[in-house]
Amino acid sequence: MKRIKLLEVRSELGAGTRGAGMGIDALRVACLNKGSDYFRRFNAVVVPDLNHVLFEKTPFPFAKHIDAIYTVQKGIAAAVEQTLRFGEFPLVLAGDHSSANATIAGIKAAYPAKTLGVIWIDAHADLHSPYTTPSGNVHGMPLAAALGVDNLKQQRNVPDAETEFFWRRLQNLGEPGPKLLPEHLVYVVVRDTEEQEDALIAELGIKWIKLPEIKAKGSRQLTREIYQHLRFCDMVYISFDVDSLDSSFSIGTGTPVEDGLYLSEAENLCQDLLENERVVCFEMVEINPTLDNGNTMAKNAFNILEKATDAIERRLKLEEVVSR
């Protein structure tokens, strides 16, 4: 890979609370206030959103706006795939976390023969389906879509045929079939789950790193252990939801949760993880300035983003030198 390309996704269709579509602009404000040239240094592509449909009533109570979300996700997947095929590193800045299913689909479309590992830094497992969701918000479903699971053992809803049609489309976005195996997924600081998700995590045997382990081992040791677990993966995608931060730092997000990462812990962890040469994509999501005070969340997230980007750039420069 030669350079970073920013992919800006302002869709907030999958969220339950409005405002995540403004998260990228809040990051830009934080950048300006800091006097940084970050958003001038990189080429950016804006993926079309359909946020105007939020003014219309959705006919899909168990997967709200899933028809429009499918259209948006096709655009995200295509942008990620094209970026990778051009030899660039896609750094995705997105509104709500439903975008991650499309990011994963785009990576697999670019590298269909390679095995993908996913590091999921988030307060939530995002493992619901239309059959299990308590809210109907699709930002709680991206990993179920990528894994190709419905969790029918824990079924609580009966979606109609049209919902099922679009759900299958999300699960088969890009290349048909699951994009990810459970053993190639690592949860980091996930701490707010429902019983349906807990049952599925146990059934699938997903690796789950909780806060006490993070504090005890530190980012360097954790990074080594995570990549040892993902040793059979050819490439890795890192997804960072800002609600992985402790709620004292993250009120400007739709679903803040206490007992999360401190800012320095998040910065160090992202930097250490991104130094690995197998990482092909990084994504940051769920900044919501309408829930914030003084744009604090975006300021904190921008600091993490800068440190993460520095780690990516150092690695890309090193790869360029080695390849000469």
Protein backbone atom coordinates (compact mmCIF):
# COMPACT_ATOMS: atom_id res chain seq x y z
CA MET A 1 0.00 0.00 0.00
CA LYS A 2 1.24 3.47 -0.90
CA ARG A 3 -0.89 5.92 1.04
CA ILE A 4 -4.00 6.48 3.14
CA LYS A 5 -7.35 7.39 1.65
CA LEU A 6 -10.19 8.67 3.84
CA LEU A 7 -13.63 7.22 3.19
CA GLU A 8 -16.32 9.42 4.76
CA VAL A 9 -19.65 7.72 5.48
CA ARG A 10 -22.24 10.07 6.98
CA SER A 11 -25.08 7.56 7.09
CA GLU A 12 -26.77 7.24 10.47
CA LEU A 13 -29.61 5.02 9.29
CA GLY A 14 -28.62 2.16 11.55
CA ALA A 15 -28.52 4.15 14.80
CA GLY A 16 -31.31 4.55 17.30
CA THR A 17 -30.33 8.10 18.27
CA ARG A 18 -30.00 10.81 15.64
CA GLY A 19 -26.84 12.83 15.08
CA ALA A 20 -24.07 10.33 14.24
CA GLY A 21 -24.16 11.59 10.65
CA MET A 22 -22.56 14.79 11.95
CA GLY A 23 -19.65 12.95 13.55
CA ILE A 24 -17.22 13.46 10.66
CA ASP A 25 -17.89 17.18 10.60
CA ALA A 26 -17.37 17.28 14.36
CA LEU A 27 -13.97 15.65 13.77
CA ARG A 28 -13.21 18.33 11.18
CA VAL A 29 -14.10 21.05 13.70
CA ALA A 30 -11.82 19.42 16.28
CA CYS A 31 -9.07 19.32 13.65
CA LEU A 32 -9.48 23.03 12.85
CA ASN A 33 -9.55 24.02 16.51
CA LYS A 34 -6.35 22.07 17.11
CA GLY A 35 -4.66 23.78 14.17
CA SER A 36 -3.99 20.46 12.46
CA ASP A 37 -3.67 19.94 8.71
CA TYR A 38 -5.01 16.37 8.96
CA PHE A 39 -7.92 16.71 6.53
CA ARG A 40 -5.71 18.48 3.96
CA ARG A 41 -3.08 15.74 3.97
CA PHE A 42 -5.24 12.93 2.63
CA ASN A 43 -7.53 12.41 -0.32
CA ALA A 44 -11.10 11.78 0.78
CA VAL A 45 -14.06 10.07 -0.85
CA VAL A 46 -17.57 10.80 0.40
CA VAL A 47 -19.84 7.76 0.18
CA PRO A 48 -23.45 8.79 -0.56
CA ASP A 49 -25.87 8.49 2.35
CA LEU A 50 -29.64 8.30 2.36
CA ASN A 51 -30.26 10.05 5.67
CA HIS A 52 -33.28 11.82 4.19
CA VAL A 53 -35.29 8.59 4.59
CA LEU A 54 -35.15 9.10 8.36
CA PHE A 55 -38.02 11.54 7.83
CA GLU A 56 -40.12 8.65 6.53
CA LYS A 57 -41.64 5.88 8.61
CA THR A 58 -39.84 2.58 8.14
CA PRO A 59 -41.92 -0.54 7.44
CA PHE A 60 -39.23 -2.76 8.99
CA PRO A 61 -39.58 -2.71 12.81
CA PHE A 62 -36.99 -5.48 13.31
CA ALA A 63 -34.40 -3.87 11.01
CA LYS A 64 -35.23 -0.20 10.67
CA HIS A 65 -34.51 1.34 7.24
CA ILE A 66 -32.80 -1.88 6.11
CA ASP A 67 -33.75 -1.23 2.48
CA ALA A 68 -31.90 2.11 2.41
CA ILE A 69 -29.08 0.70 4.52
CA TYR A 70 -28.50 -1.99 1.91
CA THR A 71 -28.15 0.66 -0.79
CA VAL A 72 -25.70 2.67 1.33
CA GLN A 73 -23.68 -0.42 2.18
CA LYS A 74 -23.26 -1.32 -1.48
CA GLY A 75 -21.59 2.07 -1.92
CA ILE A 76 -19.33 1.59 1.09
CA ALA A 77 -18.25 -1.88 0.00
CA ALA A 78 -17.47 -0.64 -3.51
CA ALA A 79 -15.42 2.28 -2.17
CA VAL A 80 -13.40 0.03 0.17
CA GLU A 81 -12.78 -2.53 -2.57
CA GLN A 82 -11.68 0.11 -5.08
CA THR A 83 -9.36 1.78 -2.57
CA LEU A 84 -7.63 -1.51 -1.81
CA ARG A 85 -7.36 -2.44 -5.49
CA PHE A 86 -5.65 0.92 -6.12
CA GLY A 87 -3.05 0.00 -3.51
CA GLU A 88 -4.27 2.50 -0.91
CA PHE A 89 -5.15 2.06 2.78
CA PRO A 90 -8.84 2.75 3.46
CA LEU A 91 -9.36 4.70 6.67
CA VAL A 92 -13.12 4.76 7.17
CA LEU A 93 -14.84 7.48 9.20
CA ALA A 94 -18.48 6.52 9.60
CA GLY A 95 -21.65 7.59 11.36
CA ASP A 96 -23.20 4.45 12.81
CA HIS A 97 -21.52 1.05 13.14
CA SER A 98 -23.73 -0.79 10.66
CA SER A 99 -21.17 0.40 8.08
CA ALA A 100 -18.72 -2.23 9.33
CA ASN A 101 -20.55 -5.04 7.51
CA ALA A 102 -19.97 -3.20 4.24
CA THR A 103 -16.33 -2.46 5.08
CA ILE A 104 -15.74 -6.16 5.72
CA ALA A 105 -17.54 -7.05 2.47
CA GLY A 106 -15.37 -4.59 0.53
CA ILE A 107 -12.16 -6.02 1.97
CA LYS A 108 -13.19 -9.56 1.07
CA ALA A 109 -14.25 -8.48 -2.42
CA ALA A 110 -10.76 -7.06 -2.96
CA TYR A 111 -9.04 -10.14 -1.51
CA PRO A 112 -11.49 -13.05 -1.89
CA ALA A 113 -8.84 -15.75 -1.46
CA LYS A 114 -7.41 -14.28 1.75
CA THR A 115 -8.51 -14.99 5.32
CA LEU A 116 -9.75 -11.97 7.28
CA GLY A 117 -9.34 -11.31 10.99
CA VAL A 118 -11.38 -8.63 12.78
CA ILE A 119 -10.45 -6.73 15.95
CA TRP A 120 -13.65 -5.21 17.34
CA ILE A 121 -12.97 -2.41 19.87
CA ASP A 122 -16.44 -1.52 21.13
CA ALA A 123 -18.72 -1.48 24.14
CA HIS A 124 -21.19 -3.68 22.24
CA ALA A 125 -21.02 -7.07 20.55
CA ASP A 126 -23.20 -5.98 17.58
CA LEU A 127 -24.19 -9.61 17.08
CA HIS A 128 -27.97 -9.27 16.84
CA SER A 129 -30.07 -10.15 13.81
CA PRO A 130 -33.63 -9.17 12.89
CA TYR A 131 -34.65 -12.36 14.70
CA THR A 132 -33.11 -11.36 18.05
CA THR A 133 -32.85 -7.55 18.14
CA PRO A 134 -34.54 -5.77 21.05
CA SER A 135 -34.43 -2.40 19.26
CA GLY A 136 -34.54 -3.00 15.51
CA ASN A 137 -31.44 -0.79 15.07
CA VAL A 138 -29.17 -2.22 12.39
CA HIS A 139 -26.01 -0.82 14.01
CA GLY A 140 -26.40 -3.72 16.44
CA MET A 141 -26.18 -6.27 13.60
CA PRO A 142 -23.01 -5.85 11.48
CA LEU A 143 -21.11 -8.82 12.86
CA ALA A 144 -24.10 -11.14 12.57
CA ALA A 145 -24.30 -10.13 8.92
CA ALA A 146 -20.56 -10.62 8.32
CA LEU A 147 -20.56 -13.97 10.11
CA GLY A 148 -23.71 -15.07 8.28
CA VAL A 149 -25.53 -15.99 11.51
CA ASP A 150 -29.18 -15.49 12.47
CA ASN A 151 -29.04 -16.94 16.01
CA LEU A 152 -32.41 -18.66 15.61
CA LYS A 153 -31.86 -20.57 18.88
CA GLN A 154 -32.44 -17.25 20.64
CA GLN A 155 -35.20 -16.00 18.31
CA ARG A 156 -37.61 -13.45 19.79
CA ASN A 157 -38.96 -11.72 16.64
CA VAL A 158 -40.72 -12.86 13.47
CA PRO A 159 -39.54 -10.56 10.66
CA ASP A 160 -41.64 -10.35 7.51
CA ALA A 161 -40.46 -11.68 4.14
CA GLU A 162 -39.22 -8.30 2.90
CA THR A 163 -37.06 -7.81 6.00
CA GLU A 164 -35.62 -11.27 5.48
CA PHE A 165 -34.95 -10.45 1.82
CA PHE A 166 -32.83 -7.39 2.66
CA TRP A 167 -31.14 -9.17 5.59
CA ARG A 168 -29.96 -11.89 3.20
CA ARG A 169 -28.71 -9.16 0.86
CA LEU A 170 -26.64 -7.68 3.68
CA GLN A 171 -25.26 -11.09 4.58
CA ASN A 172 -24.31 -11.71 0.94
CA LEU A 173 -22.97 -8.24 0.20
CA GLY A 174 -19.96 -8.38 -2.12
CA GLU A 175 -18.93 -12.03 -2.22
CA PRO A 176 -21.77 -14.47 -1.32
CA GLY A 177 -21.64 -16.17 2.06
CA PRO A 178 -19.94 -15.41 5.40
CA LYS A 179 -16.95 -13.07 5.23
CA LEU A 180 -15.61 -13.95 8.66
CA LEU A 181 -15.17 -17.04 10.87
CA PRO A 182 -15.89 -16.79 14.63
CA GLU A 183 -12.36 -17.89 15.51
CA HIS A 184 -11.02 -14.92 13.54
CA LEU A 185 -12.95 -12.33 15.56
CA VAL A 186 -11.56 -10.68 18.71
CA TYR A 187 -13.72 -8.57 21.02
CA VAL A 188 -11.88 -5.84 22.94
CA VAL A 189 -13.57 -4.12 25.92
CA VAL A 190 -17.08 -5.27 24.88
CA ARG A 191 -19.15 -4.97 28.04
CA ASP A 192 -22.80 -4.18 27.24
CA THR A 193 -24.46 -7.26 25.74
CA GLU A 194 -27.88 -8.91 25.72
CA GLU A 195 -28.53 -12.52 26.67
CA GLN A 196 -29.08 -13.51 23.03
CA GLU A 197 -25.61 -12.23 22.17
CA ASP A 198 -24.02 -13.84 25.23
CA ALA A 199 -25.43 -17.22 24.22
CA LEU A 200 -24.10 -16.85 20.68
CA ILE A 201 -20.66 -15.67 21.83
CA ALA A 202 -20.39 -18.76 24.03
CA GLU A 203 -21.65 -21.05 21.28
CA LEU A 204 -19.22 -19.67 18.71
CA GLY A 205 -16.28 -19.44 21.12
CA ILE A 206 -15.40 -15.84 20.21
CA LYS A 207 -12.27 -14.50 21.94
CA TRP A 208 -13.32 -11.77 24.37
CA ILE A 209 -10.79 -9.47 26.03
CA LYS A 210 -12.36 -7.54 28.90
CA LEU A 211 -11.23 -4.41 30.71
CA PRO A 212 -9.46 -6.04 33.71
CA GLU A 213 -7.27 -8.04 31.32
CA ILE A 214 -6.47 -4.89 29.35
CA LYS A 215 -5.42 -3.02 32.47
CA ALA A 216 -3.40 -5.94 33.80
CA LYS A 217 -1.44 -6.67 30.62
CA GLY A 218 -1.13 -3.35 28.83
CA SER A 219 -1.40 -2.68 25.11
CA ARG A 220 1.91 -4.23 24.01
CA GLN A 221 1.27 -7.62 25.60
CA LEU A 222 -2.37 -7.61 24.48
CA THR A 223 -1.33 -6.82 20.91
CA ARG A 224 1.04 -9.78 20.88
CA GLU A 225 -1.68 -12.09 22.19
CA ILE A 226 -4.30 -10.81 19.75
CA TYR A 227 -2.06 -11.35 16.75
CA GLN A 228 -1.06 -14.76 18.04
CA HIS A 229 -4.77 -15.64 18.15
CA LEU A 230 -5.15 -14.31 14.59
CA ARG A 231 -1.97 -16.01 13.34
CA PHE A 232 -3.85 -17.88 10.58
CA CYS A 233 -5.36 -14.68 9.14
CA ASP A 234 -3.74 -13.14 6.07
CA MET A 235 -5.16 -9.68 6.75
CA VAL A 236 -6.79 -7.78 9.62
CA TYR A 237 -9.45 -5.08 9.90
CA ILE A 238 -9.67 -2.96 13.07
CA SER A 239 -13.01 -1.38 13.94
CA PHE A 240 -13.02 1.31 16.65
CA ASP A 241 -16.33 2.48 18.10
CA VAL A 242 -15.85 5.53 20.32
CA ASP A 243 -18.17 4.04 22.95
CA SER A 244 -15.28 1.67 23.73
CA LEU A 245 -14.06 4.64 25.77
CA ASP A 246 -15.24 5.01 29.33
CA SER A 247 -18.43 7.05 29.53
CA SER A 248 -16.54 9.80 31.36
CA PHE A 249 -14.84 10.47 28.00
CA SER A 250 -17.64 9.47 25.64
CA ILE A 251 -20.94 11.19 26.33
CA GLY A 252 -20.95 12.33 22.69
CA THR A 253 -22.02 8.96 21.35
CA GLY A 254 -25.38 7.23 21.06
CA THR A 255 -24.79 4.50 23.65
CA PRO A 256 -22.10 5.43 26.19
CA VAL A 257 -21.14 2.73 28.71
CA GLU A 258 -19.11 3.07 31.89
CA ASP A 259 -15.97 1.02 32.68
CA GLY A 260 -14.32 1.46 29.30
CA LEU A 261 -10.92 2.48 27.98
CA TYR A 262 -9.16 5.62 29.15
CA LEU A 263 -7.95 7.91 26.37
CA SER A 264 -4.30 6.94 26.78
CA GLU A 265 -5.23 3.25 26.73
CA ALA A 266 -7.20 3.67 23.49
CA GLU A 267 -4.38 5.66 21.87
CA ASN A 268 -1.73 3.12 22.83
CA LEU A 269 -3.84 0.13 21.84
CA CYS A 270 -4.71 1.52 18.41
CA GLN A 271 -1.11 2.50 17.73
CA ASP A 272 0.27 -0.88 18.74
CA LEU A 273 -2.35 -2.83 16.77
CA LEU A 274 -1.86 -0.71 13.64
CA GLU A 275 1.88 -1.35 13.52
CA ASN A 276 1.18 -4.88 12.30
CA GLU A 277 1.78 -5.29 8.57
CA ARG A 278 -1.36 -7.40 8.10
CA VAL A 279 -3.76 -4.56 8.95
CA VAL A 280 -5.48 -3.45 5.73
CA CYS A 281 -8.21 -1.13 7.08
CA PHE A 282 -9.10 0.97 10.14
CA GLU A 283 -12.54 2.37 10.91
CA MET A 284 -13.80 4.87 13.51
CA VAL A 285 -17.55 5.25 14.17
CA GLU A 286 -20.41 6.57 16.32
CA ILE A 287 -19.34 10.13 17.20
CA ASN A 288 -22.52 12.09 17.89
CA PRO A 289 -21.97 15.82 18.57
CA THR A 290 -25.68 16.44 19.26
CA LEU A 291 -25.28 14.50 22.52
CA ASP A 292 -22.02 16.18 23.47
CA ASN A 293 -20.79 19.14 25.47
CA GLY A 294 -18.27 21.39 23.72
CA ASN A 295 -17.44 18.79 21.06
CA THR A 296 -15.45 16.85 23.68
CA MET A 297 -16.02 13.45 22.13
CA ALA A 298 -14.77 14.57 18.72
CA LYS A 299 -11.71 16.22 20.31
CA ASN A 300 -10.86 12.98 22.14
CA ALA A 301 -11.57 10.87 19.07
CA PHE A 302 -9.49 13.14 16.86
CA ASN A 303 -6.48 12.70 19.14
CA ILE A 304 -6.89 8.92 18.87
CA LEU A 305 -7.34 9.21 15.10
CA GLU A 306 -4.13 11.24 14.72
CA LYS A 307 -2.09 8.73 16.73
CA ALA A 308 -3.62 5.81 14.83
CA THR A 309 -2.91 7.50 11.49
CA ASP A 310 0.69 8.19 12.49
CA ALA A 311 1.15 4.48 13.18
CA ILE A 312 -0.30 3.57 9.77
CA GLU A 313 1.93 6.10 7.98
CA ARG A 314 5.07 4.87 9.76
CA ARG A 315 4.27 1.34 8.67
CA LEU A 316 3.54 2.31 5.07
CA LYS A 317 6.83 4.25 4.85
CA LEU A 318 8.71 1.29 6.28
CA GLU A 319 7.08 -1.07 3.77
CA GLU A 320 8.06 1.31 0.96
CA VAL A 321 11.69 1.36 2.07
CA VAL A 322 11.81 -2.43 2.44
CA SER A 323 10.28 -2.96 -1.01
CA ARG A 324 12.95 -0.87 -2.78
